[in-house]
């Protein structure tokens, strides 16, 4: 998403000059997905990457966090979720 700006030190996401309120987990998921834009990542791979960023999340928490993140990203939404996988387009 070319109009998405992620500010890592502040854990902020800004899209079209509007700040998107995210939880720490949602920000980290978005950070990981943006680093792998266009690639489909399994929930397990997302959890492994979260561990690398010192943030723990259980397998049961991934899907609700991804759904919440998807709802917070303004249209046109470019977060795809399908069969235990997620992709930022």
PDB file of N, CA and C in Angstrom:
ATOM      1  N   UNK A   1       0.855  -1.167   0.000  1.00  0.00           N
ATOM      2  CA  UNK A   1       0.000   0.000   0.000  1.00  0.00           C
ATOM      3  C   UNK A   1       0.899   1.227   0.000  1.00  0.00           C
ATOM      4  N   UNK A   2       0.952   1.899  -1.115  1.00  0.00           N
ATOM      5  CA  UNK A   2       1.872   3.012  -1.256  1.00  0.00           C
ATOM      6  C   UNK A   2       1.487   4.211  -0.397  1.00  0.00           C
ATOM      7  N   UNK A   3       0.241   4.308   0.025  1.00  0.00           N
ATOM      8  CA  UNK A   3      -0.184   5.432   0.841  1.00  0.00           C
ATOM      9  C   UNK A   3      -0.180   5.110   2.336  1.00  0.00           C
ATOM     10  N   UNK A   4       0.503   4.042   2.720  1.00  0.00           N
ATOM     11  CA  UNK A   4       0.611   3.632   4.112  1.00  0.00           C
ATOM     12  C   UNK A   4       2.000   3.973   4.637  1.00  0.00           C
ATOM     13  N   UNK A   5       2.045   4.671   5.776  1.00  0.00           N
ATOM     14  CA  UNK A   5       3.309   5.012   6.425  1.00  0.00           C
ATOM     15  C   UNK A   5       3.304   4.373   7.809  1.00  0.00           C
ATOM     16  N   UNK A   6       4.348   3.596   8.097  1.00  0.00           N
ATOM     17  CA  UNK A   6       4.491   2.976   9.415  1.00  0.00           C
ATOM     18  C   UNK A   6       5.623   3.652  10.152  1.00  0.00           C
ATOM     19  N   UNK A   7       5.320   4.161  11.334  1.00  0.00           N
ATOM     20  CA  UNK A   7       6.314   4.823  12.186  1.00  0.00           C
ATOM     21  C   UNK A   7       6.648   3.865  13.321  1.00  0.00           C
ATOM     22  N   UNK A   8       7.745   3.125  13.143  1.00  0.00           N
ATOM     23  CA  UNK A   8       8.113   2.084  14.109  1.00  0.00           C
ATOM     24  C   UNK A   8       8.373   2.615  15.515  1.00  0.00           C
ATOM     25  N   UNK A   9       9.163   3.689  15.697  1.00  0.00           N
ATOM     26  CA  UNK A   9       9.414   4.159  17.063  1.00  0.00           C
ATOM     27  C   UNK A   9       8.135   4.546  17.826  1.00  0.00           C
ATOM     28  N   UNK A  10       7.152   5.041  17.102  1.00  0.00           N
ATOM     29  CA  UNK A  10       5.894   5.452  17.743  1.00  0.00           C
ATOM     30  C   UNK A  10       4.799   4.406  17.637  1.00  0.00           C
ATOM     31  N   UNK A  11       5.061   3.316  16.923  1.00  0.00           N
ATOM     32  CA  UNK A  11       4.059   2.272  16.671  1.00  0.00           C
ATOM     33  C   UNK A  11       2.779   2.869  16.097  1.00  0.00           C
ATOM     34  N   UNK A  12       2.953   3.725  15.093  1.00  0.00           N
ATOM     35  CA  UNK A  12       1.820   4.377  14.463  1.00  0.00           C
ATOM     36  C   UNK A  12       1.726   3.993  12.993  1.00  0.00           C
ATOM     37  N   UNK A  13       0.497   3.885  12.547  1.00  0.00           N
ATOM     38  CA  UNK A  13       0.228   3.658  11.130  1.00  0.00           C
ATOM     39  C   UNK A  13      -0.593   4.835  10.626  1.00  0.00           C
ATOM     40  N   UNK A  14      -0.153   5.407   9.501  1.00  0.00           N
ATOM     41  CA  UNK A  14      -0.832   6.549   8.922  1.00  0.00           C
ATOM     42  C   UNK A  14      -1.138   6.208   7.464  1.00  0.00           C
ATOM     43  N   UNK A  15      -2.386   6.406   7.087  1.00  0.00           N
ATOM     44  CA  UNK A  15      -2.801   6.129   5.712  1.00  0.00           C
ATOM     45  C   UNK A  15      -3.592   7.320   5.205  1.00  0.00           C
ATOM     46  N   UNK A  16      -3.153   7.874   4.088  1.00  0.00           N
ATOM     47  CA  UNK A  16      -3.789   9.071   3.525  1.00  0.00           C
ATOM     48  C   UNK A  16      -3.874  10.188   4.564  1.00  0.00           C
ATOM     49  N   UNK A  17      -2.776  10.386   5.307  1.00  0.00           N
ATOM     50  CA  UNK A  17      -2.658  11.430   6.334  1.00  0.00           C
ATOM     51  C   UNK A  17      -3.608  11.250   7.512  1.00  0.00           C
ATOM     52  N   UNK A  18      -4.157  10.064   7.676  1.00  0.00           N
ATOM     53  CA  UNK A  18      -5.034   9.767   8.814  1.00  0.00           C
ATOM     54  C   UNK A  18      -4.393   8.666   9.639  1.00  0.00           C
ATOM     55  N   UNK A  19      -4.245   8.928  10.940  1.00  0.00           N
ATOM     56  CA  UNK A  19      -3.665   7.923  11.825  1.00  0.00           C
ATOM     57  C   UNK A  19      -4.677   6.818  12.082  1.00  0.00           C
ATOM     58  N   UNK A  20      -4.200   5.580  11.982  1.00  0.00           N
ATOM     59  CA  UNK A  20      -5.043   4.410  12.220  1.00  0.00           C
ATOM     60  C   UNK A  20      -4.739   3.914  13.632  1.00  0.00           C
ATOM     61  N   UNK A  21      -5.714   3.919  14.535  1.00  0.00           N
ATOM     62  CA  UNK A  21      -5.467   3.447  15.901  1.00  0.00           C
ATOM     63  C   UNK A  21      -5.298   1.924  15.926  1.00  0.00           C
ATOM     64  N   UNK A  22      -4.119   1.478  16.334  1.00  0.00           N
ATOM     65  CA  UNK A  22      -3.817   0.049  16.356  1.00  0.00           C
ATOM     66  C   UNK A  22      -3.314  -0.375  17.725  1.00  0.00           C
ATOM     67  N   UNK A  23      -3.604  -1.618  18.082  1.00  0.00           N
ATOM     68  CA  UNK A  23      -2.998  -2.205  19.275  1.00  0.00           C
ATOM     69  C   UNK A  23      -1.553  -2.571  18.928  1.00  0.00           C
ATOM     70  N   UNK A  24      -0.773  -2.903  19.928  1.00  0.00           N
ATOM     71  CA  UNK A  24       0.618  -3.309  19.689  1.00  0.00           C
ATOM     72  C   UNK A  24       0.673  -4.532  18.784  1.00  0.00           C
ATOM     73  N   UNK A  25      -0.225  -5.489  19.018  1.00  0.00           N
ATOM     74  CA  UNK A  25      -0.250  -6.696  18.195  1.00  0.00           C
ATOM     75  C   UNK A  25      -0.616  -6.374  16.747  1.00  0.00           C
ATOM     76  N   UNK A  26      -1.615  -5.527  16.562  1.00  0.00           N
ATOM     77  CA  UNK A  26      -2.035  -5.164  15.211  1.00  0.00           C
ATOM     78  C   UNK A  26      -0.918  -4.440  14.466  1.00  0.00           C
ATOM     79  N   UNK A  27      -0.234  -3.517  15.167  1.00  0.00           N
ATOM     80  CA  UNK A  27       0.864  -2.806  14.523  1.00  0.00           C
ATOM     81  C   UNK A  27       1.952  -3.777  14.085  1.00  0.00           C
ATOM     82  N   UNK A  28       2.324  -4.686  14.960  1.00  0.00           N
ATOM     83  CA  UNK A  28       3.385  -5.648  14.618  1.00  0.00           C
ATOM     84  C   UNK A  28       2.965  -6.555  13.456  1.00  0.00           C
ATOM     85  N   UNK A  29       1.716  -6.982  13.447  1.00  0.00           N
ATOM     86  CA  UNK A  29       1.234  -7.788  12.329  1.00  0.00           C
ATOM     87  C   UNK A  29       1.318  -6.995  11.028  1.00  0.00           C
ATOM     88  N   UNK A  30       0.892  -5.735  11.068  1.00  0.00           N
ATOM     89  CA  UNK A  30       0.962  -4.890   9.882  1.00  0.00           C
ATOM     90  C   UNK A  30       2.410  -4.660   9.461  1.00  0.00           C
ATOM     91  N   UNK A  31       3.293  -4.475  10.430  1.00  0.00           N
ATOM     92  CA  UNK A  31       4.722  -4.289  10.155  1.00  0.00           C
ATOM     93  C   UNK A  31       5.288  -5.514   9.413  1.00  0.00           C
ATOM     94  N   UNK A  32       4.973  -6.684   9.939  1.00  0.00           N
ATOM     95  CA  UNK A  32       5.471  -7.934   9.340  1.00  0.00           C
ATOM     96  C   UNK A  32       4.880  -8.126   7.942  1.00  0.00           C
ATOM     97  N   UNK A  33       3.573  -7.923   7.821  1.00  0.00           N
ATOM     98  CA  UNK A  33       2.931  -8.099   6.522  1.00  0.00           C
ATOM     99  C   UNK A  33       3.465  -7.102   5.495  1.00  0.00           C
ATOM    100  N   UNK A  34       3.738  -5.875   5.920  1.00  0.00           N
ATOM    101  CA  UNK A  34       4.266  -4.888   4.978  1.00  0.00           C
ATOM    102  C   UNK A  34       5.692  -5.235   4.554  1.00  0.00           C
ATOM    103  N   UNK A  35       6.448  -5.860   5.444  1.00  0.00           N
ATOM    104  CA  UNK A  35       7.807  -6.285   5.096  1.00  0.00           C
ATOM    105  C   UNK A  35       7.789  -7.425   4.085  1.00  0.00           C
ATOM    106  N   UNK A  36       6.670  -8.132   4.018  1.00  0.00           N
ATOM    107  CA  UNK A  36       6.509  -9.260   3.101  1.00  0.00           C
ATOM    108  C   UNK A  36       5.351  -9.001   2.132  1.00  0.00           C
ATOM    109  N   UNK A  37       5.142  -7.737   1.756  1.00  0.00           N
ATOM    110  CA  UNK A  37       4.017  -7.360   0.900  1.00  0.00           C
ATOM    111  C   UNK A  37       3.999  -8.211  -0.369  1.00  0.00           C
ATOM    112  N   UNK A  38       2.807  -8.675  -0.688  1.00  0.00           N
ATOM    113  CA  UNK A  38       2.633  -9.495  -1.878  1.00  0.00           C
ATOM    114  C   UNK A  38       2.901 -10.972  -1.660  1.00  0.00           C
ATOM    115  N   UNK A  39       3.340 -11.324  -0.446  1.00  0.00           N
ATOM    116  CA  UNK A  39       3.599 -12.730  -0.121  1.00  0.00           C
ATOM    117  C   UNK A  39       2.583 -13.196   0.907  1.00  0.00           C
ATOM    118  N   UNK A  40       2.095 -14.396   0.719  1.00  0.00           N
ATOM    119  CA  UNK A  40       1.148 -14.998   1.636  1.00  0.00           C
ATOM    120  C   UNK A  40       1.903 -15.632   2.804  1.00  0.00           C
ATOM    121  N   UNK A  41       1.555 -15.227   4.025  1.00  0.00           N
ATOM    122  CA  UNK A  41       2.204 -15.771   5.224  1.00  0.00           C
ATOM    123  C   UNK A  41       1.191 -16.562   6.042  1.00  0.00           C
ATOM    124  N   UNK A  42       1.615 -17.720   6.528  1.00  0.00           N
ATOM    125  CA  UNK A  42       0.752 -18.497   7.407  1.00  0.00           C
ATOM    126  C   UNK A  42       0.684 -17.833   8.771  1.00  0.00           C
ATOM    127  N   UNK A  43      -0.339 -18.178   9.520  1.00  0.00           N
ATOM    128  CA  UNK A  43      -0.454 -17.649  10.880  1.00  0.00           C
ATOM    129  C   UNK A  43       0.750 -18.069  11.713  1.00  0.00           C
ATOM    130  N   UNK A  44       1.238 -19.279  11.484  1.00  0.00           N
ATOM    131  CA  UNK A  44       2.408 -19.759  12.227  1.00  0.00           C
ATOM    132  C   UNK A  44       3.635 -18.899  11.929  1.00  0.00           C
ATOM    133  N   UNK A  45       3.802 -18.532  10.666  1.00  0.00           N
ATOM    134  CA  UNK A  45       4.939 -17.678  10.272  1.00  0.00           C
ATOM    135  C   UNK A  45       4.811 -16.291  10.905  1.00  0.00           C
ATOM    136  N   UNK A  46       3.593 -15.787  10.972  1.00  0.00           N
ATOM    137  CA  UNK A  46       3.374 -14.502  11.641  1.00  0.00           C
ATOM    138  C   UNK A  46       3.757 -14.577  13.115  1.00  0.00           C
ATOM    139  N   UNK A  47       3.376 -15.670  13.767  1.00  0.00           N
ATOM    140  CA  UNK A  47       3.710 -15.853  15.181  1.00  0.00           C
ATOM    141  C   UNK A  47       5.223 -15.905  15.368  1.00  0.00           C
ATOM    142  N   UNK A  48       5.923 -16.623  14.484  1.00  0.00           N
ATOM    143  CA  UNK A  48       7.388 -16.688  14.561  1.00  0.00           C
ATOM    144  C   UNK A  48       7.993 -15.295  14.434  1.00  0.00           C
ATOM    145  N   UNK A  49       7.490 -14.487  13.509  1.00  0.00           N
ATOM    146  CA  UNK A  49       8.002 -13.128  13.336  1.00  0.00           C
ATOM    147  C   UNK A  49       7.682 -12.254  14.536  1.00  0.00           C
ATOM    148  N   UNK A  50       6.527 -12.451  15.139  1.00  0.00           N
ATOM    149  CA  UNK A  50       6.183 -11.689  16.343  1.00  0.00           C
ATOM    150  C   UNK A  50       7.154 -12.014  17.466  1.00  0.00           C
ATOM    151  N   UNK A  51       7.517 -13.282  17.587  1.00  0.00           N
ATOM    152  CA  UNK A  51       8.492 -13.680  18.605  1.00  0.00           C
ATOM    153  C   UNK A  51       9.819 -12.954  18.392  1.00  0.00           C
ATOM    154  N   UNK A  52      10.209 -12.768  17.130  1.00  0.00           N
ATOM    155  CA  UNK A  52      11.450 -12.043  16.817  1.00  0.00           C
ATOM    156  C   UNK A  52      11.380 -10.591  17.261  1.00  0.00           C
ATOM    157  N   UNK A  53      10.168 -10.052  17.408  1.00  0.00           N
ATOM    158  CA  UNK A  53       9.977  -8.662  17.830  1.00  0.00           C
ATOM    159  C   UNK A  53       9.567  -8.577  19.303  1.00  0.00           C
ATOM    160  N   UNK A  54       9.828  -9.654  20.051  1.00  0.00           N
ATOM    161  CA  UNK A  54       9.536  -9.714  21.485  1.00  0.00           C
ATOM    162  C   UNK A  54       8.066  -9.462  21.809  1.00  0.00           C
ATOM    163  N   UNK A  55       7.198  -9.970  20.969  1.00  0.00           N
ATOM    164  CA  UNK A  55       5.772  -9.857  21.217  1.00  0.00           C
ATOM    165  C   UNK A  55       5.169 -11.240  21.047  1.00  0.00           C
ATOM    166  N   UNK A  56       4.551 -11.730  22.093  1.00  0.00           N
ATOM    167  CA  UNK A  56       3.979 -13.070  22.040  1.00  0.00           C
ATOM    168  C   UNK A  56       2.497 -12.998  21.681  1.00  0.00           C
ATOM    169  N   UNK A  57       2.084 -13.958  20.868  1.00  0.00           N
ATOM    170  CA  UNK A  57       0.688 -14.068  20.499  1.00  0.00           C
ATOM    171  C   UNK A  57       0.397 -15.543  20.280  1.00  0.00           C
ATOM    172  N   UNK A  58      -0.714 -15.992  20.816  1.00  0.00           N
ATOM    173  CA  UNK A  58      -1.082 -17.393  20.634  1.00  0.00           C
ATOM    174  C   UNK A  58      -1.750 -17.572  19.273  1.00  0.00           C
ATOM    175  N   UNK A  59      -1.809 -18.802  18.833  1.00  0.00           N
ATOM    176  CA  UNK A  59      -2.445 -19.110  17.549  1.00  0.00           C
ATOM    177  C   UNK A  59      -3.915 -18.683  17.558  1.00  0.00           C
ATOM    178  N   UNK A  60      -4.562 -18.740  18.722  1.00  0.00           N
ATOM    179  CA  UNK A  60      -5.965 -18.361  18.828  1.00  0.00           C
ATOM    180  C   UNK A  60      -6.168 -16.851  18.736  1.00  0.00           C
ATOM    181  N   UNK A  61      -5.129 -16.072  18.980  1.00  0.00           N
ATOM    182  CA  UNK A  61      -5.241 -14.615  18.945  1.00  0.00           C
ATOM    183  C   UNK A  61      -4.953 -14.028  17.563  1.00  0.00           C
ATOM    184  N   UNK A  62      -4.314 -14.789  16.684  1.00  0.00           N
ATOM    185  CA  UNK A  62      -3.891 -14.253  15.393  1.00  0.00           C
ATOM    186  C   UNK A  62      -5.073 -13.853  14.526  1.00  0.00           C
ATOM    187  N   UNK A  63      -6.015 -14.754  14.309  1.00  0.00           N
ATOM    188  CA  UNK A  63      -7.135 -14.448  13.416  1.00  0.00           C
ATOM    189  C   UNK A  63      -7.964 -13.265  13.922  1.00  0.00           C
ATOM    190  N   UNK A  64      -8.361 -13.217  15.201  1.00  0.00           N
ATOM    191  CA  UNK A  64      -9.114 -12.045  15.658  1.00  0.00           C
ATOM    192  C   UNK A  64      -8.330 -10.739  15.484  1.00  0.00           C
ATOM    193  N   UNK A  65      -7.027 -10.775  15.707  1.00  0.00           N
ATOM    194  CA  UNK A  65      -6.212  -9.568  15.525  1.00  0.00           C
ATOM    195  C   UNK A  65      -6.139  -9.172  14.052  1.00  0.00           C
ATOM    196  N   UNK A  66      -6.031 -10.152  13.165  1.00  0.00           N
ATOM    197  CA  UNK A  66      -6.005  -9.862  11.731  1.00  0.00           C
ATOM    198  C   UNK A  66      -7.355  -9.308  11.259  1.00  0.00           C
ATOM    199  N   UNK A  67      -8.441  -9.870  11.757  1.00  0.00           N
ATOM    200  CA  UNK A  67      -9.769  -9.373  11.389  1.00  0.00           C
ATOM    201  C   UNK A  67      -9.981  -7.946  11.882  1.00  0.00           C
ATOM    202  N   UNK A  68      -9.524  -7.669  13.091  1.00  0.00           N
ATOM    203  CA  UNK A  68      -9.617  -6.321  13.637  1.00  0.00           C
ATOM    204  C   UNK A  68      -8.765  -5.351  12.817  1.00  0.00           C
ATOM    205  N   UNK A  69      -7.561  -5.779  12.473  1.00  0.00           N
ATOM    206  CA  UNK A  69      -6.673  -4.959  11.651  1.00  0.00           C
ATOM    207  C   UNK A  69      -7.305  -4.676  10.297  1.00  0.00           C
ATOM    208  N   UNK A  70      -7.876  -5.677   9.685  1.00  0.00           N
ATOM    209  CA  UNK A  70      -8.516  -5.511   8.377  1.00  0.00           C
ATOM    210  C   UNK A  70      -9.654  -4.503   8.457  1.00  0.00           C
ATOM    211  N   UNK A  71     -10.419  -4.547   9.531  1.00  0.00           N
ATOM    212  CA  UNK A  71     -11.533  -3.622   9.701  1.00  0.00           C
ATOM    213  C   UNK A  71     -11.055  -2.183   9.892  1.00  0.00           C
ATOM    214  N   UNK A  72      -9.871  -2.007  10.462  1.00  0.00           N
ATOM    215  CA  UNK A  72      -9.353  -0.663  10.739  1.00  0.00           C
ATOM    216  C   UNK A  72      -8.674  -0.016   9.537  1.00  0.00           C
ATOM    217  N   UNK A  73      -8.248  -0.820   8.575  1.00  0.00           N
ATOM    218  CA  UNK A  73      -7.614  -0.264   7.389  1.00  0.00           C
ATOM    219  C   UNK A  73      -8.716   0.284   6.483  1.00  0.00           C
ATOM    220  N   UNK A  74      -8.657   1.587   6.166  1.00  0.00           N
ATOM    221  CA  UNK A  74      -9.736   2.167   5.362  1.00  0.00           C
ATOM    222  C   UNK A  74      -9.757   1.621   3.930  1.00  0.00           C
ATOM    223  N   UNK A  75     -10.918   1.687   3.301  1.00  0.00           N
ATOM    224  CA  UNK A  75     -11.025   1.220   1.912  1.00  0.00           C
ATOM    225  C   UNK A  75     -10.100   2.014   1.000  1.00  0.00           C
ATOM    226  N   UNK A  76      -9.591   1.495  -0.071  1.00  0.00           N
ATOM    227  CA  UNK A  76      -9.777   0.096  -0.433  1.00  0.00           C
ATOM    228  C   UNK A  76      -8.887  -0.795   0.420  1.00  0.00           C
ATOM    229  N   UNK A  77      -9.484  -1.762   1.059  1.00  0.00           N
ATOM    230  CA  UNK A  77      -8.729  -2.660   1.932  1.00  0.00           C
ATOM    231  C   UNK A  77      -7.857  -3.570   1.087  1.00  0.00           C
ATOM    232  N   UNK A  78      -6.644  -3.759   1.543  1.00  0.00           N
ATOM    233  CA  UNK A  78      -5.717  -4.593   0.786  1.00  0.00           C
ATOM    234  C   UNK A  78      -5.074  -5.651   1.665  1.00  0.00           C
ATOM    235  N   UNK A  79      -5.795  -6.077   2.682  1.00  0.00           N
ATOM    236  CA  UNK A  79      -5.337  -7.154   3.543  1.00  0.00           C
ATOM    237  C   UNK A  79      -6.208  -8.362   3.241  1.00  0.00           C
ATOM    238  N   UNK A  80      -5.603  -9.380   2.666  1.00  0.00           N
ATOM    239  CA  UNK A  80      -6.337 -10.575   2.281  1.00  0.00           C
ATOM    240  C   UNK A  80      -6.136 -11.669   3.318  1.00  0.00           C
ATOM    241  N   UNK A  81      -7.226 -12.318   3.714  1.00  0.00           N
ATOM    242  CA  UNK A  81      -7.191 -13.421   4.677  1.00  0.00           C
ATOM    243  C   UNK A  81      -7.869 -14.619   4.040  1.00  0.00           C
ATOM    244  N   UNK A  82      -7.159 -15.739   4.004  1.00  0.00           N
ATOM    245  CA  UNK A  82      -7.743 -16.928   3.401  1.00  0.00           C
ATOM    246  C   UNK A  82      -7.073 -18.181   3.944  1.00  0.00           C
ATOM    247  N   UNK A  83      -7.854 -19.049   4.531  1.00  0.00           N
ATOM    248  CA  UNK A  83      -7.379 -20.366   4.949  1.00  0.00           C
ATOM    249  C   UNK A  83      -6.128 -20.380   5.796  1.00  0.00           C
ATOM    250  N   UNK A  84      -6.097 -19.607   6.863  1.00  0.00           N
ATOM    251  CA  UNK A  84      -4.941 -19.624   7.751  1.00  0.00           C
ATOM    252  C   UNK A  84      -3.740 -18.873   7.213  1.00  0.00           C
ATOM    253  N   UNK A  85      -3.972 -18.022   6.220  1.00  0.00           N
ATOM    254  CA  UNK A  85      -2.908 -17.236   5.618  1.00  0.00           C
ATOM    255  C   UNK A  85      -3.345 -15.773   5.534  1.00  0.00           C
ATOM    256  N   UNK A  86      -2.370 -14.878   5.506  1.00  0.00           N
ATOM    257  CA  UNK A  86      -2.650 -13.450   5.372  1.00  0.00           C
ATOM    258  C   UNK A  86      -1.659 -12.857   4.369  1.00  0.00           C
ATOM    259  N   UNK A  87      -2.136 -11.823   3.649  1.00  0.00           N
ATOM    260  CA  UNK A  87      -1.268 -11.169   2.673  1.00  0.00           C
ATOM    261  C   UNK A  87      -1.662  -9.705   2.567  1.00  0.00           C
ATOM    262  N   UNK A  88      -0.656  -8.845   2.562  1.00  0.00           N
ATOM    263  CA  UNK A  88      -0.852  -7.430   2.314  1.00  0.00           C
ATOM    264  C   UNK A  88      -0.514  -7.170   0.861  1.00  0.00           C
ATOM    265  N   UNK A  89      -1.469  -6.632   0.123  1.00  0.00           N
ATOM    266  CA  UNK A  89      -1.293  -6.417  -1.314  1.00  0.00           C
ATOM    267  C   UNK A  89      -0.982  -4.954  -1.567  1.00  0.00           C
TER     268      UNK A  89
END
